[in-house]
Amino acid sequence: MNFLNLISEAYAMGPAPQGTAQGDPIMSLIASILPLVLIVVVFYFLLIRPQQKRAKEHRQMLENLKKGDKVITVGGIYGVVESVNPNTVVLKIAENVKVKFSKQSVAALRPPTDED
């Protein structure tokens, strides 16, 4: 068999017959889009939804801050809430040392078992 015979045999095969071999175009569209939809759903449930839940919990914690709460700031400063304003909070971090922070800089409430 030589090279010219192989080429002529390849041309003789031609394209696949229409109908059953090609399948339904709508099904092929669904089959190509389905993996993308599954990836979006997985990202939503593994990344987006938990982040939204944490943000909601943090927002509620900031709204419920009151005088005497022991907190930790995003910078790692431990303090006790002296006063709460709409956008700021004053923390007592040592004797006679009070510092004014943005409310958003309060990271979390300290657990009651945390030492002073």
N, C-alpha and C. Protein backbone atom coordinates (compact mmCIF):
# COMPACT_ATOMS: atom_id res chain seq x y z
N MET A 1 0.84 -1.17 0.00
CA MET A 1 0.00 0.00 0.00
C MET A 1 0.89 1.24 0.00
N ASN A 2 0.60 2.14 -0.85
CA ASN A 2 1.40 3.35 -0.87
C ASN A 2 0.61 4.52 -0.31
N PHE A 3 1.28 5.66 -0.26
CA PHE A 3 0.70 6.86 0.35
C PHE A 3 -0.55 7.34 -0.37
N LEU A 4 -0.59 7.27 -1.69
CA LEU A 4 -1.75 7.73 -2.46
C LEU A 4 -2.98 6.88 -2.20
N ASN A 5 -2.78 5.59 -1.99
CA ASN A 5 -3.92 4.73 -1.68
C ASN A 5 -4.53 5.08 -0.32
N LEU A 6 -3.69 5.44 0.67
CA LEU A 6 -4.20 5.81 1.98
C LEU A 6 -5.05 7.08 1.90
N ILE A 7 -4.58 8.04 1.12
CA ILE A 7 -5.33 9.29 0.99
C ILE A 7 -6.67 9.03 0.33
N SER A 8 -6.69 8.24 -0.73
CA SER A 8 -7.96 7.98 -1.42
C SER A 8 -8.92 7.21 -0.53
N GLU A 9 -8.40 6.31 0.31
CA GLU A 9 -9.27 5.58 1.23
C GLU A 9 -9.85 6.53 2.28
N ALA A 10 -9.07 7.49 2.74
CA ALA A 10 -9.56 8.44 3.73
C ALA A 10 -10.66 9.30 3.14
N TYR A 11 -10.50 9.74 1.90
CA TYR A 11 -11.55 10.52 1.25
C TYR A 11 -12.79 9.68 0.99
N ALA A 12 -12.58 8.39 0.74
CA ALA A 12 -13.71 7.52 0.45
C ALA A 12 -14.57 7.31 1.69
N MET A 13 -13.98 7.40 2.88
CA MET A 13 -14.75 7.21 4.10
C MET A 13 -15.76 8.33 4.27
N GLY A 14 -15.37 9.56 4.03
CA GLY A 14 -16.30 10.68 4.09
C GLY A 14 -16.76 10.98 5.51
N PRO A 15 -17.62 11.98 5.63
CA PRO A 15 -18.14 12.35 6.95
C PRO A 15 -19.13 11.31 7.47
N ALA A 16 -19.36 11.36 8.77
CA ALA A 16 -20.32 10.44 9.38
C ALA A 16 -21.72 10.75 8.85
N PRO A 17 -22.55 9.76 8.67
CA PRO A 17 -23.91 9.99 8.18
C PRO A 17 -24.72 10.85 9.15
N GLN A 18 -25.58 11.68 8.61
CA GLN A 18 -26.42 12.54 9.42
C GLN A 18 -27.49 11.71 10.12
N GLY A 19 -27.99 12.25 11.25
CA GLY A 19 -29.08 11.56 11.95
C GLY A 19 -28.60 10.96 13.24
N THR A 20 -28.50 9.66 13.29
CA THR A 20 -28.22 8.97 14.56
C THR A 20 -26.81 9.22 15.06
N ALA A 21 -25.82 9.36 14.20
CA ALA A 21 -24.45 9.53 14.67
C ALA A 21 -24.22 10.93 15.25
N GLN A 22 -24.85 11.95 14.70
CA GLN A 22 -24.67 13.31 15.19
C GLN A 22 -25.47 13.57 16.46
N GLY A 23 -26.62 13.00 16.62
CA GLY A 23 -27.44 13.21 17.80
C GLY A 23 -28.26 14.48 17.68
N ASP A 24 -29.05 14.73 18.69
CA ASP A 24 -29.91 15.89 18.73
C ASP A 24 -29.07 17.13 19.08
N PRO A 25 -29.19 18.24 18.34
CA PRO A 25 -28.38 19.42 18.66
C PRO A 25 -28.71 20.03 20.02
N ILE A 26 -29.94 19.92 20.46
CA ILE A 26 -30.32 20.44 21.77
C ILE A 26 -29.65 19.63 22.88
N MET A 27 -29.59 18.33 22.71
CA MET A 27 -28.94 17.48 23.70
C MET A 27 -27.44 17.75 23.76
N SER A 28 -26.82 18.00 22.61
CA SER A 28 -25.39 18.30 22.61
C SER A 28 -25.13 19.66 23.27
N LEU A 29 -26.04 20.61 23.09
CA LEU A 29 -25.91 21.91 23.76
C LEU A 29 -26.03 21.74 25.27
N ILE A 30 -26.99 20.97 25.72
CA ILE A 30 -27.18 20.72 27.15
C ILE A 30 -25.96 19.99 27.72
N ALA A 31 -25.44 19.02 26.97
CA ALA A 31 -24.28 18.27 27.44
C ALA A 31 -23.04 19.16 27.54
N SER A 32 -22.93 20.18 26.70
CA SER A 32 -21.76 21.05 26.78
C SER A 32 -21.92 22.12 27.86
N ILE A 33 -23.14 22.53 28.18
CA ILE A 33 -23.37 23.57 29.19
C ILE A 33 -23.46 22.97 30.59
N LEU A 34 -23.87 21.73 30.72
CA LEU A 34 -24.07 21.10 32.02
C LEU A 34 -22.84 21.16 32.94
N PRO A 35 -21.63 20.89 32.46
CA PRO A 35 -20.47 20.99 33.37
C PRO A 35 -20.27 22.40 33.92
N LEU A 36 -20.52 23.42 33.10
CA LEU A 36 -20.38 24.80 33.58
C LEU A 36 -21.40 25.11 34.66
N VAL A 37 -22.61 24.65 34.48
CA VAL A 37 -23.66 24.87 35.48
C VAL A 37 -23.29 24.17 36.78
N LEU A 38 -22.78 22.96 36.69
CA LEU A 38 -22.39 22.21 37.89
C LEU A 38 -21.25 22.92 38.63
N ILE A 39 -20.30 23.48 37.90
CA ILE A 39 -19.20 24.20 38.53
C ILE A 39 -19.72 25.42 39.28
N VAL A 40 -20.65 26.17 38.66
CA VAL A 40 -21.22 27.35 39.31
C VAL A 40 -21.96 26.95 40.58
N VAL A 41 -22.72 25.87 40.54
CA VAL A 41 -23.46 25.40 41.71
C VAL A 41 -22.50 25.00 42.84
N VAL A 42 -21.44 24.30 42.50
CA VAL A 42 -20.47 23.88 43.50
C VAL A 42 -19.79 25.10 44.12
N PHE A 43 -19.39 26.08 43.30
CA PHE A 43 -18.78 27.30 43.84
C PHE A 43 -19.75 28.02 44.76
N TYR A 44 -21.01 28.08 44.40
CA TYR A 44 -21.99 28.77 45.23
C TYR A 44 -22.07 28.13 46.61
N PHE A 45 -22.21 26.81 46.66
CA PHE A 45 -22.41 26.14 47.94
C PHE A 45 -21.12 26.00 48.75
N LEU A 46 -19.95 25.98 48.10
CA LEU A 46 -18.71 25.82 48.85
C LEU A 46 -18.03 27.14 49.18
N LEU A 47 -18.25 28.19 48.39
CA LEU A 47 -17.53 29.44 48.61
C LEU A 47 -18.44 30.62 48.92
N ILE A 48 -19.40 30.87 48.08
CA ILE A 48 -20.19 32.10 48.18
C ILE A 48 -21.14 32.05 49.37
N ARG A 49 -21.91 30.99 49.50
CA ARG A 49 -22.91 30.90 50.56
C ARG A 49 -22.30 30.95 51.97
N PRO A 50 -21.23 30.19 52.25
CA PRO A 50 -20.63 30.29 53.59
C PRO A 50 -20.08 31.69 53.89
N GLN A 51 -19.51 32.35 52.87
CA GLN A 51 -18.98 33.69 53.09
C GLN A 51 -20.11 34.67 53.42
N GLN A 52 -21.23 34.55 52.73
CA GLN A 52 -22.37 35.42 53.02
C GLN A 52 -22.90 35.17 54.42
N LYS A 53 -22.89 33.91 54.86
CA LYS A 53 -23.37 33.57 56.20
C LYS A 53 -22.46 34.18 57.26
N ARG A 54 -21.12 34.09 57.06
CA ARG A 54 -20.18 34.69 58.01
C ARG A 54 -20.33 36.21 58.06
N ALA A 55 -20.54 36.83 56.91
CA ALA A 55 -20.71 38.29 56.86
C ALA A 55 -21.98 38.70 57.61
N LYS A 56 -23.05 37.93 57.46
CA LYS A 56 -24.29 38.24 58.16
C LYS A 56 -24.11 38.11 59.68
N GLU A 57 -23.43 37.06 60.12
CA GLU A 57 -23.17 36.86 61.55
C GLU A 57 -22.32 38.00 62.11
N HIS A 58 -21.31 38.45 61.37
CA HIS A 58 -20.45 39.55 61.81
C HIS A 58 -21.25 40.84 61.91
N ARG A 59 -22.10 41.11 60.93
CA ARG A 59 -22.94 42.30 60.94
C ARG A 59 -23.86 42.30 62.17
N GLN A 60 -24.46 41.15 62.49
CA GLN A 60 -25.33 41.05 63.66
C GLN A 60 -24.54 41.25 64.95
N MET A 61 -23.33 40.71 65.00
CA MET A 61 -22.49 40.87 66.19
C MET A 61 -22.17 42.35 66.40
N LEU A 62 -21.86 43.08 65.32
CA LEU A 62 -21.55 44.50 65.44
C LEU A 62 -22.77 45.30 65.89
N GLU A 63 -23.95 44.93 65.41
CA GLU A 63 -25.18 45.62 65.81
C GLU A 63 -25.50 45.40 67.28
N ASN A 64 -25.11 44.25 67.83
CA ASN A 64 -25.44 43.90 69.21
C ASN A 64 -24.34 44.24 70.21
N LEU A 65 -23.29 44.96 69.78
CA LEU A 65 -22.23 45.35 70.72
C LEU A 65 -22.81 46.27 71.79
N LYS A 66 -22.33 46.06 73.03
CA LYS A 66 -22.78 46.91 74.13
C LYS A 66 -21.62 47.13 75.08
N LYS A 67 -21.79 48.09 75.97
CA LYS A 67 -20.75 48.42 76.93
C LYS A 67 -20.44 47.20 77.80
N GLY A 68 -19.15 46.95 77.99
CA GLY A 68 -18.72 45.83 78.83
C GLY A 68 -18.36 44.58 78.04
N ASP A 69 -18.70 44.52 76.76
CA ASP A 69 -18.33 43.36 75.94
C ASP A 69 -16.81 43.31 75.77
N LYS A 70 -16.26 42.12 75.87
CA LYS A 70 -14.83 41.93 75.63
C LYS A 70 -14.66 41.51 74.17
N VAL A 71 -13.81 42.27 73.44
CA VAL A 71 -13.68 42.05 72.01
C VAL A 71 -12.22 41.95 71.59
N ILE A 72 -12.02 41.49 70.37
CA ILE A 72 -10.71 41.46 69.72
C ILE A 72 -10.87 42.23 68.41
N THR A 73 -9.92 43.12 68.11
CA THR A 73 -9.97 43.87 66.86
C THR A 73 -9.28 43.08 65.75
N VAL A 74 -9.44 43.55 64.51
CA VAL A 74 -8.79 42.88 63.40
C VAL A 74 -7.27 42.99 63.49
N GLY A 75 -6.78 43.97 64.24
CA GLY A 75 -5.34 44.11 64.45
C GLY A 75 -4.82 43.27 65.60
N GLY A 76 -5.70 42.55 66.29
CA GLY A 76 -5.28 41.68 67.39
C GLY A 76 -5.27 42.34 68.75
N ILE A 77 -5.87 43.51 68.86
CA ILE A 77 -5.90 44.22 70.14
C ILE A 77 -7.10 43.73 70.95
N TYR A 78 -6.82 43.34 72.20
CA TYR A 78 -7.87 42.91 73.11
C TYR A 78 -8.35 44.12 73.88
N GLY A 79 -9.67 44.25 74.02
CA GLY A 79 -10.20 45.39 74.76
C GLY A 79 -11.59 45.14 75.27
N VAL A 80 -12.07 46.11 76.07
CA VAL A 80 -13.42 46.08 76.62
C VAL A 80 -14.15 47.29 76.07
N VAL A 81 -15.37 47.10 75.60
CA VAL A 81 -16.14 48.18 75.01
C VAL A 81 -16.53 49.18 76.09
N GLU A 82 -16.17 50.45 75.87
CA GLU A 82 -16.54 51.54 76.78
C GLU A 82 -17.80 52.25 76.28
N SER A 83 -17.87 52.48 74.98
CA SER A 83 -19.06 53.12 74.41
C SER A 83 -19.20 52.71 72.95
N VAL A 84 -20.45 52.73 72.46
CA VAL A 84 -20.75 52.35 71.09
C VAL A 84 -21.51 53.48 70.43
N ASN A 85 -21.03 53.90 69.27
CA ASN A 85 -21.69 54.90 68.44
C ASN A 85 -22.10 54.23 67.14
N PRO A 86 -22.86 54.90 66.29
CA PRO A 86 -23.29 54.25 65.04
C PRO A 86 -22.15 53.71 64.17
N ASN A 87 -21.03 54.45 64.09
CA ASN A 87 -19.93 54.00 63.23
C ASN A 87 -18.63 53.70 63.98
N THR A 88 -18.58 54.04 65.26
CA THR A 88 -17.34 53.85 66.01
C THR A 88 -17.61 53.15 67.34
N VAL A 89 -16.53 52.67 67.92
CA VAL A 89 -16.59 52.04 69.23
C VAL A 89 -15.33 52.47 70.00
N VAL A 90 -15.49 52.77 71.27
CA VAL A 90 -14.35 53.14 72.12
C VAL A 90 -14.01 51.93 72.97
N LEU A 91 -12.75 51.50 72.87
CA LEU A 91 -12.30 50.32 73.62
C LEU A 91 -11.32 50.74 74.70
N LYS A 92 -11.45 50.12 75.85
CA LYS A 92 -10.48 50.30 76.93
C LYS A 92 -9.50 49.15 76.79
N ILE A 93 -8.23 49.48 76.47
CA ILE A 93 -7.26 48.42 76.24
C ILE A 93 -6.29 48.25 77.41
N ALA A 94 -6.25 49.24 78.31
CA ALA A 94 -5.44 49.17 79.54
C ALA A 94 -6.00 50.21 80.50
N GLU A 95 -5.45 50.25 81.72
CA GLU A 95 -5.90 51.25 82.68
C GLU A 95 -5.63 52.65 82.12
N ASN A 96 -6.67 53.47 82.10
CA ASN A 96 -6.59 54.85 81.62
C ASN A 96 -6.18 54.97 80.15
N VAL A 97 -6.37 53.91 79.36
CA VAL A 97 -6.06 53.95 77.92
C VAL A 97 -7.32 53.55 77.16
N LYS A 98 -7.88 54.53 76.46
CA LYS A 98 -9.06 54.27 75.65
C LYS A 98 -8.74 54.64 74.21
N VAL A 99 -9.17 53.80 73.29
CA VAL A 99 -8.89 54.00 71.88
C VAL A 99 -10.19 53.92 71.10
N LYS A 100 -10.34 54.84 70.14
CA LYS A 100 -11.53 54.86 69.31
C LYS A 100 -11.25 54.08 68.02
N PHE A 101 -12.13 53.13 67.70
CA PHE A 101 -11.99 52.29 66.52
C PHE A 101 -13.24 52.40 65.64
N SER A 102 -13.07 52.11 64.39
CA SER A 102 -14.22 51.92 63.52
C SER A 102 -14.93 50.65 63.97
N LYS A 103 -16.24 50.65 63.89
CA LYS A 103 -16.99 49.46 64.31
C LYS A 103 -16.60 48.23 63.49
N GLN A 104 -16.28 48.46 62.22
CA GLN A 104 -15.91 47.35 61.35
C GLN A 104 -14.58 46.70 61.74
N SER A 105 -13.78 47.39 62.55
CA SER A 105 -12.49 46.82 62.94
C SER A 105 -12.60 45.84 64.10
N VAL A 106 -13.79 45.70 64.66
CA VAL A 106 -14.00 44.69 65.71
C VAL A 106 -14.19 43.35 65.02
N ALA A 107 -13.27 42.42 65.28
CA ALA A 107 -13.31 41.13 64.61
C ALA A 107 -14.25 40.15 65.28
N ALA A 108 -14.20 40.07 66.61
CA ALA A 108 -15.00 39.06 67.29
C ALA A 108 -15.13 39.39 68.77
N LEU A 109 -16.11 38.78 69.39
CA LEU A 109 -16.24 38.83 70.84
C LEU A 109 -15.28 37.80 71.42
N ARG A 110 -14.66 38.14 72.54
CA ARG A 110 -13.77 37.19 73.19
C ARG A 110 -14.59 36.18 73.94
N PRO A 111 -14.15 34.93 73.93
CA PRO A 111 -14.86 33.91 74.71
C PRO A 111 -14.74 34.23 76.21
N PRO A 112 -15.73 33.85 76.99
CA PRO A 112 -15.71 34.16 78.43
C PRO A 112 -14.54 33.53 79.16
N THR A 113 -13.97 32.45 78.65
CA THR A 113 -12.86 31.76 79.32
C THR A 113 -11.52 32.41 79.03
N ASP A 114 -11.49 33.38 78.12
CA ASP A 114 -10.25 34.07 77.75
C ASP A 114 -9.73 34.89 78.91
N GLU A 115 -8.42 34.78 79.21
CA GLU A 115 -7.82 35.52 80.32
C GLU A 115 -7.64 36.98 79.95
N ASP A 116 -7.67 37.87 80.95
CA ASP A 116 -7.47 39.30 80.70
C ASP A 116 -6.02 39.62 80.46
